[in-house]
Protein backbone atom coordinates (compact mmCIF):
# COMPACT_ATOMS: atom_id res chain seq x y z
CA MET A 1 0.00 0.00 0.00
CA SER A 2 1.33 3.42 -0.92
CA TRP A 3 0.22 6.56 0.92
CA SER A 4 0.74 10.17 -0.01
CA LEU A 5 2.76 12.34 2.36
CA GLY A 6 -0.46 14.15 3.28
CA GLU A 7 -2.15 10.89 4.26
CA THR A 8 0.93 9.89 6.23
CA ALA A 9 0.89 13.23 8.07
CA ALA A 10 -2.80 12.88 8.90
CA LEU A 11 -2.30 9.37 10.26
CA ALA A 12 0.69 10.45 12.35
CA LEU A 13 -1.22 13.45 13.71
CA LYS A 14 -4.18 11.28 14.73
CA ALA A 15 -1.90 8.72 16.37
CA ALA A 16 -0.01 11.38 18.30
CA ARG A 17 -3.20 13.08 19.48
CA GLY A 18 -4.68 9.72 20.42
CA ALA A 19 -1.58 9.03 22.51
CA GLY A 20 -2.24 12.22 24.48
CA MET A 21 0.17 14.67 22.87
CA SER A 22 -0.78 18.35 22.72
CA TRP A 23 -1.77 19.75 19.32
CA GLY A 24 1.57 21.48 18.85
CA LEU A 25 3.61 18.41 19.71
CA ALA A 26 1.36 16.21 17.56
CA GLU A 27 1.87 18.54 14.59
CA GLU A 28 5.65 18.45 15.09
CA THR A 29 5.47 14.66 15.29
CA ALA A 30 3.52 14.48 12.03
CA ALA A 31 6.05 16.76 10.33
CA SER A 32 8.89 14.56 11.58
CA VAL A 33 7.21 11.41 10.30
CA VAL A 34 6.72 13.01 6.87
CA TRP A 35 10.37 14.14 6.88
CA LEU A 36 11.47 10.56 7.52
CA HIS A 37 9.15 9.14 4.84
CA SER A 38 10.29 11.67 2.26
CA ARG A 39 13.82 10.35 2.74
CA GLY A 40 12.85 6.69 2.42
CA LEU A 41 12.94 5.95 6.15
CA PRO A 42 10.17 4.18 8.11
CA GLY A 43 8.51 7.18 9.75
CA ILE A 44 5.21 5.52 10.70
CA SER A 45 7.01 2.46 12.04
CA ALA A 46 9.28 4.71 14.11
CA LEU A 47 6.24 6.51 15.53
CA CYS A 48 4.52 3.22 16.32
CA SER A 49 7.61 2.01 18.12
CA TYR A 50 7.90 5.28 20.06
CA LEU A 51 4.26 5.12 21.09
CA GLY A 52 4.61 1.47 22.08
CA ILE A 53 2.13 0.11 19.55
CA SER A 54 2.74 -2.59 16.99
CA ASP A 55 3.45 -1.88 13.34
CA SER A 56 0.34 -2.77 11.32
CA ILE A 57 2.43 -4.37 8.58
CA SER A 58 4.66 -6.67 10.60
CA ASP A 59 2.58 -6.66 13.83
CA ARG A 60 5.70 -6.16 15.93
CA PRO A 61 7.56 -3.10 17.16
CA LEU A 62 10.31 -1.64 15.01
CA PRO A 63 13.78 -2.77 16.16
CA ARG A 64 15.78 -0.15 18.07
CA ARG A 65 18.65 -0.39 15.56
CA ALA A 66 16.32 0.91 12.83
CA LEU A 67 15.35 3.85 15.03
CA LYS A 68 19.00 4.62 15.75
CA ALA A 69 19.81 4.48 12.04
CA ALA A 70 16.94 6.86 11.29
CA ALA A 71 18.11 9.26 14.00
CA ARG A 72 21.61 9.44 12.50
CA SER A 73 20.31 10.48 9.06
């Protein structure tokens, strides 16, 4: 499944708000997820891992090494 960056941002915003983040922090989170996706990195998976929820594709959290690799980029 392929999502546009706008759809990705909307999903990230909803997830962040649902996790209890303020609107400002949720918007920054969505922008960060889009930034990762635009560079070919797993932004939604990183957000799922951060929020402690499973990735809908693999049904398991993203490994920490992938998050560390994304943070270095």
